[in-house]
Amino acid sequence: MNKRYLALYLSLFVISSCNQKNNDNHKTKNDLGQKTVDSVSIGTKNDLADSLIIQKENASASSQRDAAEEWLKSIFKTRNSDQHFPEYNVEEKLCTGRFKDFIAESGEIYGPSNLTDEEYPAAEKKYKAKWSKIYPIEEREMWLFGRGNGDTGELKQLKINKIKEGVYHIFIDYGNGIKTQNEITLVSENGNYKIDYCKTEFLE
């Protein structure tokens, strides 16, 4: 009789142990599954946060680019026109100090000048030595946008296109067959946009 009870107890013990092991395995699998789900959730949240940061950075960069282009457009706007050339002596308002000086000195060398034939070679040599490492020397007057030394008023056509950060193409049709393509370099000076170089090509 005791042997029967002993065998019965042993059987119950074995069955109980197996059930407990199965329960532990089930819990372990559930825990692992939950950890995996949690890890995926955390990873997804991190990816979303990174994506939002990138979007904000791109939006900020885009806003800065737009501001520079809008500034360029604004210099041609008046109350009555969106393509009116700025008033006379625009270099003073629109250019960096050094580019303004470069334009003025190029006018003295290659434009109407009080230099005598004897003074001219030394003056040109000094001009080239001063500026050749900063700006291309074109041996001509460098008035902004190829406007010439005078006021131009209403433009027939104006197109502004961005080439890369800080560099823009500006096409201007002055009328009377005068057209220029200008490559503008913009910089920030004392918190304002300024033109630091303008390469002008006269079109046929």
Protein backbone atom coordinates (compact mmCIF):
# COMPACT_ATOMS: atom_id res chain seq x y z
CA MET A 1 0.00 0.00 0.00
CA ASN A 2 2.81 2.39 0.87
CA LYS A 3 4.51 1.59 -2.41
CA ARG A 4 1.36 2.56 -4.32
CA TYR A 5 1.13 5.88 -2.51
CA LEU A 6 4.82 6.51 -3.07
CA ALA A 7 4.46 5.84 -6.80
CA LEU A 8 1.41 8.13 -6.93
CA TYR A 9 3.23 10.93 -5.12
CA LEU A 10 6.18 10.62 -7.44
CA SER A 11 3.93 10.79 -10.51
CA LEU A 12 2.15 13.87 -9.18
CA PHE A 13 5.47 15.52 -8.38
CA VAL A 14 6.83 14.88 -11.87
CA ILE A 15 3.64 16.21 -13.50
CA SER A 16 3.69 19.30 -11.27
CA SER A 17 7.34 19.96 -12.08
CA CYS A 18 6.66 19.73 -15.82
CA ASN A 19 3.74 22.13 -15.57
CA GLN A 20 5.86 24.59 -13.60
CA LYS A 21 8.64 24.35 -16.19
CA ASN A 22 6.19 24.93 -19.03
CA ASN A 23 4.78 27.96 -17.19
CA ASP A 24 8.31 29.33 -16.64
CA ASN A 25 9.17 28.79 -20.32
CA HIS A 26 5.95 30.49 -21.35
CA LYS A 27 6.72 33.46 -19.10
CA THR A 28 10.29 33.66 -20.40
CA LYS A 29 9.06 33.67 -23.98
CA ASN A 30 6.48 36.32 -23.16
CA ASP A 31 9.15 38.40 -21.41
CA LEU A 32 11.47 38.08 -24.40
CA GLY A 33 8.64 38.96 -26.74
CA GLN A 34 7.73 41.99 -24.64
CA LYS A 35 11.37 43.07 -24.50
CA THR A 36 11.60 42.72 -28.27
CA VAL A 37 8.43 44.77 -28.75
CA ASP A 38 9.74 47.38 -26.29
CA SER A 39 13.09 47.50 -28.13
CA VAL A 40 11.35 47.97 -31.47
CA SER A 41 9.16 50.66 -29.93
CA ILE A 42 12.18 52.50 -28.52
CA GLY A 43 14.03 52.17 -31.83
CA THR A 44 11.02 53.53 -33.71
CA LYS A 45 10.76 56.48 -31.31
CA ASN A 46 14.47 57.25 -31.75
CA ASP A 47 14.17 57.05 -35.55
CA LEU A 48 11.17 59.38 -35.42
CA ALA A 49 13.05 61.84 -33.21
CA ASP A 50 16.07 61.78 -35.57
CA SER A 51 13.74 62.31 -38.54
CA LEU A 52 12.12 65.31 -36.86
CA ILE A 53 15.52 66.84 -36.09
CA ILE A 54 16.61 66.41 -39.72
CA GLN A 55 13.34 67.95 -40.93
CA LYS A 56 13.83 70.94 -38.63
CA GLU A 57 17.43 71.40 -39.81
CA ASN A 58 16.35 71.19 -43.46
CA ALA A 59 13.50 73.63 -42.84
CA SER A 60 15.90 76.04 -41.14
CA ALA A 61 18.41 75.82 -44.02
CA SER A 62 15.60 76.26 -46.54
CA SER A 63 14.34 79.30 -44.66
CA GLN A 64 17.81 80.88 -44.73
CA ARG A 65 18.16 80.19 -48.45
CA ASP A 66 14.76 81.69 -49.12
CA ALA A 67 15.62 84.77 -47.08
CA ALA A 68 18.74 85.42 -49.19
CA GLU A 69 16.81 85.05 -52.44
CA GLU A 70 14.01 87.26 -51.15
CA TRP A 71 16.57 89.91 -50.25
CA LEU A 72 17.90 89.85 -53.83
CA LYS A 73 14.37 90.19 -55.19
CA SER A 74 13.60 93.02 -52.81
CA ILE A 75 16.38 95.27 -54.12
CA PHE A 76 14.56 95.48 -57.47
CA LYS A 77 11.13 96.22 -55.98
CA THR A 78 9.46 99.59 -55.68
CA ARG A 79 5.92 100.53 -54.73
CA ASN A 80 4.84 100.19 -58.36
CA SER A 81 7.18 97.54 -59.80
CA ASP A 82 8.89 94.21 -59.02
CA GLN A 83 11.64 94.75 -61.59
CA HIS A 84 12.88 98.29 -61.25
CA PHE A 85 16.61 98.82 -61.13
CA PRO A 86 17.80 100.31 -57.82
CA GLU A 87 18.55 104.00 -57.63
CA TYR A 88 21.89 105.48 -58.68
CA ASN A 89 24.96 104.53 -56.60
CA VAL A 90 23.54 101.16 -55.56
CA GLU A 91 27.02 99.85 -54.76
CA GLU A 92 27.04 101.95 -51.61
CA LYS A 93 23.95 100.19 -50.25
CA LEU A 94 24.27 96.68 -51.63
CA CYS A 95 27.96 95.75 -51.65
CA THR A 96 30.48 94.78 -49.00
CA GLY A 97 33.03 97.47 -48.20
CA ARG A 98 35.85 95.78 -50.07
CA PHE A 99 33.81 95.00 -53.20
CA LYS A 100 32.54 98.58 -53.27
CA ASP A 101 36.16 99.80 -53.14
CA PHE A 102 37.14 97.34 -55.88
CA ILE A 103 34.37 98.64 -58.16
CA ALA A 104 35.34 102.26 -57.51
CA GLU A 105 39.03 101.63 -58.20
CA SER A 106 38.29 99.65 -61.35
CA GLY A 107 36.33 102.67 -62.57
CA GLU A 108 39.31 104.93 -61.92
CA ILE A 109 41.66 102.64 -63.87
CA TYR A 110 39.46 101.42 -66.74
CA GLY A 111 36.82 104.14 -66.92
CA PRO A 112 37.06 107.90 -67.38
CA SER A 113 40.18 108.90 -65.46
CA ASN A 114 42.30 111.91 -64.55
CA LEU A 115 45.45 109.80 -64.77
CA THR A 116 48.05 110.95 -67.28
CA ASP A 117 49.67 108.54 -69.71
CA GLU A 118 52.77 108.60 -67.52
CA GLU A 119 50.82 107.87 -64.30
CA TYR A 120 48.58 105.15 -65.72
CA PRO A 121 51.01 102.14 -65.87
CA ALA A 122 52.06 102.53 -62.23
CA ALA A 123 48.44 103.02 -61.11
CA GLU A 124 47.26 99.91 -62.97
CA LYS A 125 50.12 97.86 -61.55
CA LYS A 126 49.25 98.97 -58.03
CA TYR A 127 45.56 98.19 -58.63
CA LYS A 128 46.31 94.65 -59.86
CA ALA A 129 48.73 93.96 -57.01
CA LYS A 130 46.08 95.01 -54.49
CA TRP A 131 43.08 93.13 -55.90
CA SER A 132 44.23 90.19 -58.01
CA LYS A 133 44.34 87.79 -55.04
CA ILE A 134 40.81 88.80 -53.98
CA TYR A 135 38.81 89.31 -57.19
CA PRO A 136 39.31 88.46 -60.88
CA ILE A 137 40.78 91.41 -62.80
CA GLU A 138 38.74 92.01 -65.97
CA GLU A 139 40.37 95.24 -67.15
CA ARG A 140 37.08 97.09 -67.49
CA GLU A 141 34.66 99.06 -65.34
CA MET A 142 32.85 96.84 -62.84
CA TRP A 143 29.56 98.63 -62.15
CA LEU A 144 27.05 96.35 -60.44
CA PHE A 145 24.93 94.20 -62.82
CA GLY A 146 26.62 95.87 -65.79
CA ARG A 147 24.43 98.93 -65.36
CA GLY A 148 26.97 101.48 -66.53
CA ASN A 149 27.57 104.70 -64.65
CA GLY A 150 23.99 105.91 -64.54
CA ASP A 151 20.39 105.27 -63.50
CA THR A 152 18.41 102.72 -65.55
CA GLY A 153 14.87 102.68 -64.11
CA GLU A 154 12.31 100.11 -65.25
CA LEU A 155 13.63 96.78 -66.51
CA LYS A 156 12.12 94.83 -69.38
CA GLN A 157 12.88 91.49 -67.74
CA LEU A 158 14.40 90.18 -64.52
CA LYS A 159 15.12 86.55 -63.55
CA ILE A 160 16.79 85.36 -60.34
CA ASN A 161 17.90 81.73 -59.94
CA LYS A 162 19.82 80.07 -57.16
CA ILE A 163 22.95 78.15 -58.23
CA LYS A 164 24.21 77.03 -54.83
CA GLU A 165 24.39 78.33 -51.29
CA GLY A 166 25.16 82.05 -51.44
CA VAL A 167 25.48 82.14 -55.26
CA TYR A 168 22.75 83.35 -57.63
CA HIS A 169 22.30 84.09 -61.32
CA ILE A 170 20.49 87.31 -62.17
CA PHE A 171 19.42 87.91 -65.77
CA ILE A 172 18.54 91.51 -66.62
CA ASP A 173 17.09 92.90 -69.84
CA TYR A 174 17.59 96.66 -69.68
CA GLY A 175 15.90 97.25 -73.03
CA ASN A 176 17.48 98.78 -76.14
CA GLY A 177 19.26 95.48 -76.76
CA ILE A 178 21.26 95.57 -73.49
CA LYS A 179 21.12 92.32 -71.51
CA THR A 180 23.39 90.97 -68.79
CA GLN A 181 23.84 87.65 -67.01
CA ASN A 182 25.26 88.19 -63.51
CA GLU A 183 26.67 85.68 -61.06
CA ILE A 184 26.23 87.12 -57.58
CA THR A 185 28.04 86.04 -54.42
CA LEU A 186 26.20 86.93 -51.20
CA VAL A 187 27.69 87.14 -47.72
CA SER A 188 26.45 88.28 -44.34
CA GLU A 189 27.93 91.53 -43.08
CA ASN A 190 26.85 92.98 -39.73
CA GLY A 191 23.69 90.88 -39.83
CA ASN A 192 22.68 91.98 -43.34
CA TYR A 193 23.07 90.41 -46.76
CA LYS A 194 25.67 92.05 -48.98
CA ILE A 195 27.01 91.39 -52.46
CA ASP A 196 30.70 90.48 -52.29
CA TYR A 197 31.19 89.83 -55.99
CA CYS A 198 29.31 90.21 -59.25
CA LYS A 199 30.59 88.57 -62.41
CA THR A 200 28.82 90.22 -65.36
CA GLU A 201 28.52 88.90 -68.89
CA PHE A 202 26.96 91.09 -71.58
CA LEU A 203 24.65 89.08 -73.84
CA GLU A 204 24.02 89.63 -77.53
